[in-house]
C-alpha atoms as a PDB file:
ATOM      1  CA  MET A   1      29.910 -54.152  -1.948  1.00  0.00           C
ATOM      2  CA  PHE A   2      29.078 -50.796  -0.402  1.00  0.00           C
ATOM      3  CA  ASP A   3      26.001 -48.963   0.854  1.00  0.00           C
ATOM      4  CA  ILE A   4      24.718 -45.427   0.248  1.00  0.00           C
ATOM      5  CA  TYR A   5      23.218 -42.922   2.640  1.00  0.00           C
ATOM      6  CA  ALA A   6      21.331 -39.656   2.015  1.00  0.00           C
ATOM      7  CA  THR A   7      18.982 -37.399   3.949  1.00  0.00           C
ATOM      8  CA  GLN A   8      17.907 -34.882   1.292  1.00  0.00           C
ATOM      9  CA  GLU A   9      16.553 -34.983  -2.231  1.00  0.00           C
ATOM     10  CA  GLY A  10      19.428 -32.905  -3.563  1.00  0.00           C
ATOM     11  CA  TYR A  11      21.942 -35.506  -2.387  1.00  0.00           C
ATOM     12  CA  ALA A  12      19.824 -38.487  -3.367  1.00  0.00           C
ATOM     13  CA  HIS A  13      19.298 -37.259  -6.943  1.00  0.00           C
ATOM     14  CA  HIS A  14      23.046 -37.605  -7.497  1.00  0.00           C
ATOM     15  CA  LEU A  15      23.422 -40.859  -5.565  1.00  0.00           C
ATOM     16  CA  ILE A  16      20.482 -42.804  -7.005  1.00  0.00           C
ATOM     17  CA  PRO A  17      22.224 -43.302 -10.391  1.00  0.00           C
ATOM     18  CA  VAL A  18      25.254 -44.695  -8.524  1.00  0.00           C
ATOM     19  CA  TRP A  19      22.977 -47.075  -6.608  1.00  0.00           C
ATOM     20  CA  GLU A  20      21.339 -48.149  -9.889  1.00  0.00           C
ATOM     21  CA  ALA A  21      24.770 -49.025 -11.256  1.00  0.00           C
ATOM     22  CA  SER A  22      26.027 -50.800  -8.142  1.00  0.00           C
ATOM     23  CA  GLY A  23      23.290 -52.159  -5.909  1.00  0.00           C
ATOM     24  CA  GLY A  24      23.802 -52.329  -2.176  1.00  0.00           C
ATOM     25  CA  THR A  25      21.407 -50.830   0.362  1.00  0.00           C
ATOM     26  CA  PHE A  26      20.304 -47.220   0.069  1.00  0.00           C
ATOM     27  CA  TYR A  27      19.674 -45.795   3.526  1.00  0.00           C
ATOM     28  CA  GLY A  28      17.549 -42.779   4.398  1.00  0.00           C
ATOM     29  CA  HIS A  29      17.535 -40.786   7.612  1.00  0.00           C
ATOM     30  CA  THR A  30      13.793 -41.050   8.336  1.00  0.00           C
ATOM     31  CA  GLN A  31      10.941 -43.329   7.355  1.00  0.00           C
ATOM     32  CA  GLU A  32       9.422 -40.454   5.399  1.00  0.00           C
ATOM     33  CA  PHE A  33      12.577 -40.101   3.346  1.00  0.00           C
ATOM     34  CA  VAL A  34      12.779 -43.859   2.879  1.00  0.00           C
ATOM     35  CA  ARG A  35       9.276 -43.713   1.401  1.00  0.00           C
ATOM     36  CA  TRP A  36      10.419 -40.938  -0.916  1.00  0.00           C
ATOM     37  CA  LEU A  37      13.380 -43.082  -2.011  1.00  0.00           C
ATOM     38  CA  ARG A  38      11.088 -45.991  -2.749  1.00  0.00           C
ATOM     39  CA  SER A  39       8.810 -43.687  -4.765  1.00  0.00           C
ATOM     40  CA  ARG A  40      11.876 -42.901  -6.880  1.00  0.00           C
ATOM     41  CA  GLY A  41      12.406 -46.586  -7.613  1.00  0.00           C
ATOM     42  CA  VAL A  42      15.001 -47.339  -4.956  1.00  0.00           C
ATOM     43  CA  VAL A  43      14.059 -50.913  -4.141  1.00  0.00           C
ATOM     44  CA  GLY A  44      14.870 -52.071  -0.638  1.00  0.00           C
ATOM     45  CA  ALA A  45      15.581 -48.621   0.802  1.00  0.00           C
ATOM     46  CA  GLU A  46      15.863 -48.721   4.581  1.00  0.00           C
ATOM     47  CA  GLN A  47      16.255 -46.360   7.503  1.00  0.00           C
ATOM     48  CA  LEU A  48      19.813 -45.828   8.702  1.00  0.00           C
ATOM     49  CA  PRO A  49      20.674 -48.326  11.458  1.00  0.00           C
ATOM     50  CA  SER A  50      22.783 -47.548  14.501  1.00  0.00           C
ATOM     51  CA  ARG A  51      25.688 -49.511  13.015  1.00  0.00           C
ATOM     52  CA  LEU A  52      26.699 -49.932   9.369  1.00  0.00           C
ATOM     53  CA  SER A  53      28.458 -53.150   8.487  1.00  0.00           C
ATOM     54  CA  ARG A  54      29.699 -52.203   5.013  1.00  0.00           C
ATOM     55  CA  PRO A  55      31.612 -49.218   3.587  1.00  0.00           C
ATOM     56  CA  VAL A  56      29.292 -46.321   2.863  1.00  0.00           C
ATOM     57  CA  LEU A  57      29.111 -43.548   0.267  1.00  0.00           C
ATOM     58  CA  THR A  58      27.565 -40.139   1.081  1.00  0.00           C
ATOM     59  CA  ALA A  59      27.206 -36.858  -0.809  1.00  0.00           C
ATOM     60  CA  GLY A  60      26.723 -34.170   1.863  1.00  0.00           C
ATOM     61  CA  ILE A  61      28.743 -33.113   4.883  1.00  0.00           C
ATOM     62  CA  MET A  62      25.901 -33.627   7.380  1.00  0.00           C
ATOM     63  CA  ASP A  63      25.226 -37.065   5.913  1.00  0.00           C
ATOM     64  CA  TYR A  64      28.911 -37.882   6.150  1.00  0.00           C
ATOM     65  CA  ARG A  65      28.896 -36.937   9.824  1.00  0.00           C
ATOM     66  CA  ARG A  66      25.772 -38.990  10.555  1.00  0.00           C
ATOM     67  CA  ALA A  67      27.172 -41.998   8.730  1.00  0.00           C
ATOM     68  CA  GLU A  68      30.455 -41.632  10.593  1.00  0.00           C
ATOM     69  CA  LYS A  69      28.600 -42.047  13.881  1.00  0.00           C
ATOM     70  CA  THR A  70      27.473 -45.533  12.795  1.00  0.00           C
ATOM     71  CA  ARG A  71      31.140 -46.595  12.706  1.00  0.00           C
ATOM     72  CA  PRO A  72      31.178 -48.181   9.243  1.00  0.00           C
ATOM     73  CA  PRO A  73      34.286 -50.032   8.041  1.00  0.00           C
ATOM     74  CA  ALA A  74      35.121 -47.080   5.761  1.00  0.00           C
ATOM     75  CA  LEU A  75      33.674 -43.841   4.397  1.00  0.00           C
ATOM     76  CA  ALA A  76      33.664 -42.457   0.850  1.00  0.00           C
ATOM     77  CA  TYR A  77      32.448 -39.015  -0.179  1.00  0.00           C
ATOM     78  CA  MET A  78      31.048 -37.804  -3.496  1.00  0.00           C
ATOM     79  CA  GLU A  79      30.266 -34.164  -4.263  1.00  0.00           C
ATOM     80  CA  HIS A  80      26.623 -33.629  -5.186  1.00  0.00           C
ATOM     81  CA  GLY A  81      27.153 -30.572  -7.402  1.00  0.00           C
ATOM     82  CA  CYS A  82      29.720 -29.106  -9.791  1.00  0.00           C
ATOM     83  CA  GLY A  83      32.454 -28.490  -7.270  1.00  0.00           C
ATOM     84  CA  GLN A  84      31.681 -24.939  -6.282  1.00  0.00           C
ATOM     85  CA  SER A  85      33.503 -23.440  -3.341  1.00  0.00           C
ATOM     86  CA  TYR A  86      33.837 -19.999  -1.785  1.00  0.00           C
ATOM     87  CA  ALA A  87      37.575 -19.819  -1.235  1.00  0.00           C
ATOM     88  CA  GLY A  88      37.693 -16.147  -2.152  1.00  0.00           C
ATOM     89  CA  ASP A  89      36.451 -15.315   1.329  1.00  0.00           C
ATOM     90  CA  ARG A  90      38.614 -16.524   4.214  1.00  0.00           C
ATOM     91  CA  ARG A  91      35.501 -17.213   6.282  1.00  0.00           C
ATOM     92  CA  MET A  92      34.492 -19.887   3.787  1.00  0.00           C
ATOM     93  CA  SER A  93      37.809 -21.126   2.420  1.00  0.00           C
ATOM     94  CA  THR A  94      37.668 -24.363   4.434  1.00  0.00           C
ATOM     95  CA  HIS A  95      33.903 -24.632   4.916  1.00  0.00           C
ATOM     96  CA  PRO A  96      33.084 -28.357   5.211  1.00  0.00           C
ATOM     97  CA  ALA A  97      30.192 -28.212   2.739  1.00  0.00           C
ATOM     98  CA  TYR A  98      32.351 -27.350  -0.268  1.00  0.00           C
ATOM     99  CA  ALA A  99      35.277 -28.659  -2.300  1.00  0.00           C
ATOM    100  CA  GLY A 100      38.419 -28.901  -0.177  1.00  0.00           C
ATOM    101  CA  GLY A 101      36.544 -28.217   3.049  1.00  0.00           C
ATOM    102  CA  ASP A 102      37.216 -29.483   6.528  1.00  0.00           C
ATOM    103  CA  GLY A 103      35.707 -32.578   8.129  1.00  0.00           C
ATOM    104  CA  ARG A 104      36.809 -35.481   5.908  1.00  0.00           C
ATOM    105  CA  ASP A 105      39.828 -36.640   7.894  1.00  0.00           C
ATOM    106  CA  GLY A 106      38.396 -40.146   8.201  1.00  0.00           C
ATOM    107  CA  CYS A 107      37.594 -40.370   4.494  1.00  0.00           C
ATOM    108  CA  SER A 108      39.840 -42.512   2.318  1.00  0.00           C
ATOM    109  CA  LEU A 109      38.047 -41.945  -1.010  1.00  0.00           C
ATOM    110  CA  ILE A 110      36.712 -38.697  -2.504  1.00  0.00           C
ATOM    111  CA  LEU A 111      34.910 -38.390  -5.847  1.00  0.00           C
ATOM    112  CA  ALA A 112      35.000 -34.959  -7.493  1.00  0.00           C
ATOM    113  CA  PRO A 113      33.073 -33.727 -10.544  1.00  0.00           C
ATOM    114  CA  ASN A 114      36.032 -32.034 -12.261  1.00  0.00           C
ATOM    115  CA  THR A 115      39.760 -31.483 -12.037  1.00  0.00           C
ATOM    116  CA  GLN A 116      39.418 -28.115 -10.319  1.00  0.00           C
ATOM    117  CA  ALA A 117      37.476 -29.588  -7.410  1.00  0.00           C
ATOM    118  CA  ALA A 118      39.707 -32.661  -7.330  1.00  0.00           C
ATOM    119  CA  ALA A 119      42.778 -30.452  -6.909  1.00  0.00           C
ATOM    120  CA  ARG A 120      41.227 -28.754  -3.879  1.00  0.00           C
ATOM    121  CA  TRP A 121      40.396 -32.106  -2.292  1.00  0.00           C
ATOM    122  CA  SER A 122      43.862 -33.533  -2.992  1.00  0.00           C
ATOM    123  CA  GLU A 123      45.561 -30.485  -1.490  1.00  0.00           C
ATOM    124  CA  ARG A 124      43.443 -30.702   1.662  1.00  0.00           C
ATOM    125  CA  TYR A 125      43.590 -34.505   2.058  1.00  0.00           C
ATOM    126  CA  PRO A 126      46.815 -35.772   0.477  1.00  0.00           C
ATOM    127  CA  SER A 127      46.395 -39.281   1.924  1.00  0.00           C
ATOM    128  CA  ALA A 128      42.936 -39.834   0.367  1.00  0.00           C
ATOM    129  CA  ALA A 129      42.333 -41.316  -3.041  1.00  0.00           C
ATOM    130  CA  VAL A 130      40.737 -38.550  -5.122  1.00  0.00           C
ATOM    131  CA  HIS A 131      39.088 -39.292  -8.479  1.00  0.00           C
ATOM    132  CA  THR A 132      37.468 -37.042 -11.076  1.00  0.00           C
ATOM    133  CA  ILE A 133      34.231 -38.677 -12.261  1.00  0.00           C
ATOM    134  CA  GLY A 134      32.199 -35.982 -14.023  1.00  0.00           C
ATOM    135  CA  ALA A 135      28.434 -35.923 -13.547  1.00  0.00           C
ATOM    136  CA  SER A 136      26.637 -38.710 -11.653  1.00  0.00           C
ATOM    137  CA  ARG A 137      23.275 -37.169 -12.538  1.00  0.00           C
ATOM    138  CA  VAL A 138      22.561 -36.412 -16.197  1.00  0.00           C
ATOM    139  CA  LEU A 139      19.618 -34.157 -16.981  1.00  0.00           C
ATOM    140  CA  ASN A 140      17.992 -34.862 -20.330  1.00  0.00           C
ATOM    141  CA  PRO A 141      17.650 -32.262 -23.104  1.00  0.00           C
ATOM    142  CA  PRO A 142      14.286 -30.506 -23.492  1.00  0.00           C
ATOM    143  CA  GLU A 143      11.568 -32.326 -25.373  1.00  0.00           C
ATOM    144  CA  ASP A 144      10.415 -30.823 -28.641  1.00  0.00           C
ATOM    145  CA  THR A 145       6.895 -29.865 -27.615  1.00  0.00           C
ATOM    146  CA  GLY A 146       6.589 -26.868 -29.910  1.00  0.00           C
ATOM    147  CA  ARG A 147       6.064 -24.620 -26.881  1.00  0.00           C
ATOM    148  CA  SER A 148       8.749 -22.344 -25.488  1.00  0.00           C
ATOM    149  CA  LEU A 149       9.153 -21.999 -21.729  1.00  0.00           C
ATOM    150  CA  LEU A 150      11.383 -19.967 -19.455  1.00  0.00           C
ATOM    151  CA  VAL A 151      12.000 -21.610 -16.075  1.00  0.00           C
ATOM    152  CA  VAL A 152      13.430 -19.348 -13.389  1.00  0.00           C
ATOM    153  CA  SER A 153      14.936 -21.089 -10.370  1.00  0.00           C
ATOM    154  CA  PHE A 154      16.345 -19.927  -7.045  1.00  0.00           C
ATOM    155  CA  HIS A 155      18.692 -21.445  -4.511  1.00  0.00           C
ATOM    156  CA  TRP A 156      17.945 -21.481  -0.819  1.00  0.00           C
ATOM    157  CA  ASP A 157      18.904 -18.449   1.237  1.00  0.00           C
ATOM    158  CA  GLY A 158      21.643 -19.699   3.490  1.00  0.00           C
ATOM    159  CA  GLY A 159      25.268 -19.170   4.342  1.00  0.00           C
ATOM    160  CA  THR A 160      27.358 -16.481   5.939  1.00  0.00           C
ATOM    161  CA  ILE A 161      28.635 -14.561   2.914  1.00  0.00           C
ATOM    162  CA  PRO A 162      26.713 -12.551   0.265  1.00  0.00           C
ATOM    163  CA  GLU A 163      27.366 -14.941  -2.642  1.00  0.00           C
ATOM    164  CA  MET A 164      25.611 -17.761  -0.788  1.00  0.00           C
ATOM    165  CA  ARG A 165      22.366 -15.808  -0.543  1.00  0.00           C
ATOM    166  CA  SER A 166      19.455 -16.424  -2.881  1.00  0.00           C
ATOM    167  CA  ALA A 167      18.542 -13.739  -5.416  1.00  0.00           C
ATOM    168  CA  TRP A 168      14.837 -14.488  -4.908  1.00  0.00           C
ATOM    169  CA  SER A 169      14.024 -11.244  -3.086  1.00  0.00           C
ATOM    170  CA  HIS A 170      15.727  -9.210  -5.815  1.00  0.00           C
ATOM    171  CA  TYR A 171      13.601 -10.670  -8.650  1.00  0.00           C
ATOM    172  CA  ARG A 172      10.428 -11.732  -6.826  1.00  0.00           C
ATOM    173  CA  ASP A 173       8.303  -8.601  -7.300  1.00  0.00           C
ATOM    174  CA  SER A 174       8.899  -8.453 -11.053  1.00  0.00           C
ATOM    175  CA  LEU A 175       8.068 -12.076 -11.861  1.00  0.00           C
ATOM    176  CA  GLY A 176       4.326 -11.480 -12.085  1.00  0.00           C
ATOM    177  CA  ALA A 177       4.849  -8.894 -14.798  1.00  0.00           C
ATOM    178  CA  LEU A 178       7.385 -11.132 -16.535  1.00  0.00           C
ATOM    179  CA  ALA A 179       4.791 -13.927 -16.674  1.00  0.00           C
ATOM    180  CA  LEU A 180       2.514 -11.629 -18.694  1.00  0.00           C
ATOM    181  CA  ASP A 181       5.157 -11.219 -21.398  1.00  0.00           C
ATOM    182  CA  VAL A 182       6.880 -14.602 -21.661  1.00  0.00           C
ATOM    183  CA  PRO A 183       5.817 -18.189 -20.899  1.00  0.00           C
ATOM    184  CA  LEU A 184       7.136 -18.650 -17.374  1.00  0.00           C
ATOM    185  CA  ALA A 185       7.386 -21.310 -14.681  1.00  0.00           C
ATOM    186  CA  LEU A 186       9.301 -21.268 -11.402  1.00  0.00           C
ATOM    187  CA  HIS A 187      11.480 -23.840  -9.687  1.00  0.00           C
ATOM    188  CA  ALA A 188      13.496 -23.806  -6.446  1.00  0.00           C
ATOM    189  CA  HIS A 189      16.034 -25.701  -4.419  1.00  0.00           C
ATOM    190  CA  PRO A 190      14.228 -28.176  -2.120  1.00  0.00           C
ATOM    191  CA  ARG A 191      15.040 -26.038   0.930  1.00  0.00           C
ATOM    192  CA  ALA A 192      13.391 -23.001  -0.700  1.00  0.00           C
ATOM    193  CA  ARG A 193      10.569 -24.876  -2.402  1.00  0.00           C
ATOM    194  CA  SER A 194       7.644 -24.393  -0.038  1.00  0.00           C
ATOM    195  CA  GLY A 195       7.806 -20.591   0.155  1.00  0.00           C
ATOM    196  CA  ILE A 196       8.354 -20.018  -3.561  1.00  0.00           C
ATOM    197  CA  ARG A 197       5.716 -22.594  -4.456  1.00  0.00           C
ATOM    198  CA  ALA A 198       3.146 -20.817  -2.281  1.00  0.00           C
ATOM    199  CA  TRP A 199       4.098 -17.442  -3.743  1.00  0.00           C
ATOM    200  CA  ALA A 200       3.708 -18.758  -7.293  1.00  0.00           C
ATOM    201  CA  LYS A 201       0.357 -20.389  -6.541  1.00  0.00           C
ATOM    202  CA  GLY A 202      -0.993 -17.108  -5.191  1.00  0.00           C
ATOM    203  CA  ARG A 203      -0.169 -15.422  -8.493  1.00  0.00           C
ATOM    204  CA  ASN A 204      -1.253 -18.211 -10.814  1.00  0.00           C
ATOM    205  CA  ILE A 205       2.313 -18.871 -11.970  1.00  0.00           C
ATOM    206  CA  GLU A 206       3.226 -22.495 -12.551  1.00  0.00           C
ATOM    207  CA  PHE A 207       5.698 -24.053 -10.141  1.00  0.00           C
ATOM    208  CA  ILE A 208       7.620 -27.139 -11.291  1.00  0.00           C
ATOM    209  CA  GLU A 209       8.647 -29.415  -8.427  1.00  0.00           C
ATOM    210  CA  ASP A 210      11.228 -31.760  -9.936  1.00  0.00           C
ATOM    211  CA  ILE A 211      14.392 -30.748 -11.760  1.00  0.00           C
ATOM    212  CA  GLU A 212      13.830 -33.654 -14.183  1.00  0.00           C
ATOM    213  CA  GLU A 213      10.584 -32.063 -15.339  1.00  0.00           C
ATOM    214  CA  VAL A 214      12.334 -28.709 -15.593  1.00  0.00           C
ATOM    215  CA  ALA A 215      14.904 -30.345 -17.868  1.00  0.00           C
ATOM    216  CA  ARG A 216      12.153 -31.911 -19.970  1.00  0.00           C
ATOM    217  CA  ARG A 217      10.231 -28.663 -20.456  1.00  0.00           C
ATOM    218  CA  ALA A 218      12.542 -25.649 -20.130  1.00  0.00           C
ATOM    219  CA  THR A 219      13.604 -24.020 -23.393  1.00  0.00           C
ATOM    220  CA  VAL A 220      15.627 -21.471 -21.432  1.00  0.00           C
ATOM    221  CA  TYR A 221      16.715 -21.833 -17.804  1.00  0.00           C
ATOM    222  CA  ALA A 222      17.679 -19.030 -15.413  1.00  0.00           C
ATOM    223  CA  VAL A 223      19.096 -19.510 -11.910  1.00  0.00           C
ATOM    224  CA  ASP A 224      20.979 -17.537  -9.305  1.00  0.00           C
ATOM    225  CA  ASN A 225      23.598 -19.899  -7.876  1.00  0.00           C
ATOM    226  CA  SER A 226      23.372 -23.624  -8.405  1.00  0.00           C
ATOM    227  CA  SER A 227      25.152 -26.497 -10.113  1.00  0.00           C
ATOM    228  CA  THR A 228      22.057 -26.746 -12.314  1.00  0.00           C
ATOM    229  CA  LEU A 229      23.413 -23.705 -14.185  1.00  0.00           C
ATOM    230  CA  TRP A 230      25.918 -26.105 -15.805  1.00  0.00           C
ATOM    231  CA  GLU A 231      23.779 -29.235 -15.731  1.00  0.00           C
ATOM    232  CA  MET A 232      20.985 -27.493 -17.627  1.00  0.00           C
ATOM    233  CA  GLY A 233      23.458 -25.482 -19.683  1.00  0.00           C
ATOM    234  CA  ARG A 234      24.706 -28.689 -21.239  1.00  0.00           C
ATOM    235  CA  THR A 235      21.599 -28.891 -23.422  1.00  0.00           C
ATOM    236  CA  ARG A 236      19.976 -25.432 -23.621  1.00  0.00           C
ATOM    237  CA  PRO A 237      20.624 -21.697 -23.173  1.00  0.00           C
ATOM    238  CA  VAL A 238      20.977 -20.586 -19.551  1.00  0.00           C
ATOM    239  CA  ILE A 239      20.979 -17.221 -17.786  1.00  0.00           C
ATOM    240  CA  ALA A 240      22.831 -16.422 -14.562  1.00  0.00           C
ATOM    241  CA  LEU A 241      20.863 -14.194 -12.191  1.00  0.00           C
ATOM    242  CA  ASN A 242      23.020 -11.736 -10.273  1.00  0.00           C
ATOM    243  CA  ALA A 243      21.954  -9.850  -7.156  1.00  0.00           C
ATOM    244  CA  PRO A 244      23.250  -6.513  -5.862  1.00  0.00           C
ATOM    245  CA  TRP A 245      24.888  -8.191  -2.866  1.00  0.00           C
ATOM    246  CA  TYR A 246      27.078 -10.476  -4.989  1.00  0.00           C
ATOM    247  CA  ARG A 247      30.517  -8.873  -4.639  1.00  0.00           C
ATOM    248  CA  ARG A 248      32.286  -8.282  -7.946  1.00  0.00           C
ATOM    249  CA  ASP A 249      35.667  -7.872  -6.289  1.00  0.00           C
ATOM    250  CA  VAL A 250      35.646 -11.342  -4.700  1.00  0.00           C
ATOM    251  CA  ALA A 251      36.598 -14.292  -6.915  1.00  0.00           C
ATOM    252  CA  HIS A 252      35.551 -17.719  -5.688  1.00  0.00           C
ATOM    253  CA  GLY A 253      35.822 -19.586  -8.980  1.00  0.00           C
ATOM    254  CA  LEU A 254      32.977 -21.086 -11.064  1.00  0.00           C
ATOM    255  CA  ARG A 255      29.835 -19.047 -10.447  1.00  0.00           C
ATOM    256  CA  PHE A 256      31.760 -16.111  -9.009  1.00  0.00           C
ATOM    257  CA  TRP A 257      33.031 -15.228 -11.539  1.00  0.00           C
ATOM    258  CA  ASP A 258      34.442 -17.870 -13.890  1.00  0.00           C
ATOM    259  CA  ARG A 259      33.127 -20.436 -16.374  1.00  0.00           C
ATOM    260  CA  ILE A 260      29.592 -19.053 -16.534  1.00  0.00           C
ATOM    261  CA  PRO A 261      27.889 -20.805 -19.490  1.00  0.00           C
ATOM    262  CA  GLY A 262      25.577 -18.004 -20.593  1.00  0.00           C
ATOM    263  CA  PRO A 263      24.651 -14.343 -20.223  1.00  0.00           C
ATOM    264  CA  GLN A 264      24.500 -12.744 -16.785  1.00  0.00           C
ATOM    265  CA  VAL A 265      21.787 -10.270 -15.808  1.00  0.00           C
ATOM    266  CA  ASP A 266      21.719  -7.860 -12.889  1.00  0.00           C
ATOM    267  CA  ASP A 267      18.000  -7.140 -12.615  1.00  0.00           C
ATOM    268  CA  SER A 268      14.536  -8.026 -13.890  1.00  0.00           C
ATOM    269  CA  GLY A 269      14.875  -5.776 -16.920  1.00  0.00           C
ATOM    270  CA  GLY A 270      17.967  -7.675 -18.026  1.00  0.00           C
ATOM    271  CA  LEU A 271      16.229 -10.973 -17.377  1.00  0.00           C
ATOM    272  CA  PHE A 272      13.302  -9.940 -19.557  1.00  0.00           C
ATOM    273  CA  LEU A 273      15.518  -8.838 -22.435  1.00  0.00           C
ATOM    274  CA  GLU A 274      17.684 -11.972 -22.415  1.00  0.00           C
ATOM    275  CA  ALA A 275      14.724 -14.331 -21.970  1.00  0.00           C
ATOM    276  CA  GLU A 276      12.735 -12.702 -24.758  1.00  0.00           C
ATOM    277  CA  ARG A 277      15.732 -12.813 -27.090  1.00  0.00           C
ATOM    278  CA  LEU A 278      16.567 -16.437 -26.380  1.00  0.00           C
ATOM    279  CA  LEU A 279      12.953 -17.625 -26.514  1.00  0.00           C
ATOM    280  CA  SER A 280      12.246 -15.848 -29.798  1.00  0.00           C
ATOM    281  CA  SER A 281      15.557 -16.132 -31.655  1.00  0.00           C
ATOM    282  CA  GLY A 282      17.612 -18.706 -29.788  1.00  0.00           C
ATOM    283  CA  GLU A 283      21.332 -18.329 -29.231  1.00  0.00           C
ATOM    284  CA  SER A 284      23.954 -17.741 -31.878  1.00  0.00           C
ATOM    285  CA  GLU A 285      26.241 -20.541 -32.989  1.00  0.00           C
ATOM    286  CA  ASP A 286      29.184 -18.790 -31.335  1.00  0.00           C
ATOM    287  CA  ALA A 287      27.267 -18.509 -28.053  1.00  0.00           C
ATOM    288  CA  LYS A 288      26.269 -22.173 -28.246  1.00  0.00           C
ATOM    289  CA  ARG A 289      29.854 -23.293 -28.839  1.00  0.00           C
ATOM    290  CA  CYS A 290      31.048 -21.140 -25.950  1.00  0.00           C
ATOM    291  CA  ARG A 291      28.350 -22.498 -23.620  1.00  0.00           C
ATOM    292  CA  GLU A 292      29.142 -26.097 -24.518  1.00  0.00           C
ATOM    293  CA  ALA A 293      32.881 -25.553 -24.056  1.00  0.00           C
ATOM    294  CA  VAL A 294      32.382 -24.037 -20.606  1.00  0.00           C
ATOM    295  CA  VAL A 295      30.113 -26.898 -19.534  1.00  0.00           C
ATOM    296  CA  ARG A 296      32.591 -29.514 -20.777  1.00  0.00           C
ATOM    297  CA  ASP A 297      35.229 -27.930 -18.560  1.00  0.00           C
ATOM    298  CA  VAL A 298      32.972 -28.086 -15.501  1.00  0.00           C
ATOM    299  CA  ILE A 299      31.304 -31.429 -16.373  1.00  0.00           C
ATOM    300  CA  PRO A 300      34.016 -33.353 -18.233  1.00  0.00           C
ATOM    301  CA  SER A 301      32.133 -36.672 -18.334  1.00  0.00           C
ATOM    302  CA  LEU A 302      28.515 -37.846 -18.317  1.00  0.00           C
ATOM    303  CA  ASP A 303      29.391 -41.345 -17.136  1.00  0.00           C
ATOM    304  CA  GLY A 304      29.963 -40.380 -13.516  1.00  0.00           C
ATOM    305  CA  ALA A 305      27.500 -42.818 -11.989  1.00  0.00           C
ATOM    306  CA  ARG A 306      29.054 -45.863 -13.629  1.00  0.00           C
ATOM    307  CA  THR A 307      32.554 -44.548 -12.951  1.00  0.00           C
ATOM    308  CA  ALA A 308      31.682 -43.930  -9.305  1.00  0.00           C
ATOM    309  CA  SER A 309      30.147 -47.390  -8.988  1.00  0.00           C
ATOM    310  CA  THR A 310      33.319 -49.014 -10.306  1.00  0.00           C
ATOM    311  CA  ILE A 311      35.722 -46.926  -8.223  1.00  0.00           C
ATOM    312  CA  VAL A 312      33.766 -47.241  -4.973  1.00  0.00           C
ATOM    313  CA  GLY A 313      33.169 -50.937  -5.596  1.00  0.00           C
ATOM    314  CA  GLU A 314      36.881 -51.637  -5.993  1.00  0.00           C
ATOM    315  CA  TRP A 315      37.720 -49.412  -3.022  1.00  0.00           C
ATOM    316  CA  SER A 316      35.184 -51.159  -0.796  1.00  0.00           C
ATOM    317  CA  GLU A 317      37.034 -54.456  -1.244  1.00  0.00           C
ATOM    318  CA  ASP A 318      40.116 -52.967   0.428  1.00  0.00           C
ATOM    319  CA  PRO A 319      39.378 -49.398   1.578  1.00  0.00           C
ATOM    320  CA  HIS A 320      42.431 -49.060   3.820  1.00  0.00           C
ATOM    321  CA  ARG A 321      45.173 -50.094   1.450  1.00  0.00           C
ATOM    322  CA  GLY A 322      46.534 -46.554   1.779  1.00  0.00           C
ATOM    323  CA  GLU A 323      47.260 -45.865  -1.859  1.00  0.00           C
ATOM    324  CA  GLN A 324      46.595 -42.373  -3.198  1.00  0.00           C
ATOM    325  CA  ALA A 325      45.169 -42.024  -6.699  1.00  0.00           C
ATOM    326  CA  THR A 326      44.369 -38.656  -8.172  1.00  0.00           C
ATOM    327  CA  GLU A 327      42.828 -38.558 -11.632  1.00  0.00           C
END
């Protein structure tokens, strides 16, 4: 048996399906977050104690560090996205938040979404057991409501290199006009949610809080830089939003500039043209096949939660047996 720990919605969304498949105690960092977990159906969620008595699974570097301080018997780590990294820039090549990053020396088990990310983890931590599990969170296809909707989403504006910045400021001033021409709603990473929500409210543009509702309603999904580009691209057309500060001569892999599952646009005019085309005519069969093939490469399996539950459960019985397994 093992426990799970998360401090943010973005991590918890990927870990809750693993908890549902395995049980154990799901710990939150604060009482407020524990209440949020319980509102999402996590029965028995508790606040993180000063000492953990069972092996623990986390999905974010800060959570890993906090859990490590409780001195659990063992630590496992699962990526909460699609394995993006920023290795094309030496300043970020070993950043602890991304695939193959620093800070997991005490970790004996790492779960990666795809073989590309798994290879980075195995190279950095050759003594750890590294497994490819696919997606732990599976977003449903859009419901057939008879109403088309474009949802435009933005990541939070953080990081030290241009590709980690949000494209929000580049598209913001044109979204009001876009809403007059196409059915539009906005969404944002939890860390960017409050500001974008307030902006949308002031302009009478709908803001959708939860990614699950976005998945239920979005006919077409556009986003700057997020694993949701592939998660949503599994079941509908998607658009990648570029910004002028994204360097074309720096290759990080995945979003910059490989395996993009749909058209890329550089400005609001391009967004309008692609959105109008996809909403009115849909995508061609060739484009659909290409999108689905790209997503299958990035998300090779949809059974990640059950796979993770099995792997972590077996590992928790003997987490220090010292055997490497890379799949």
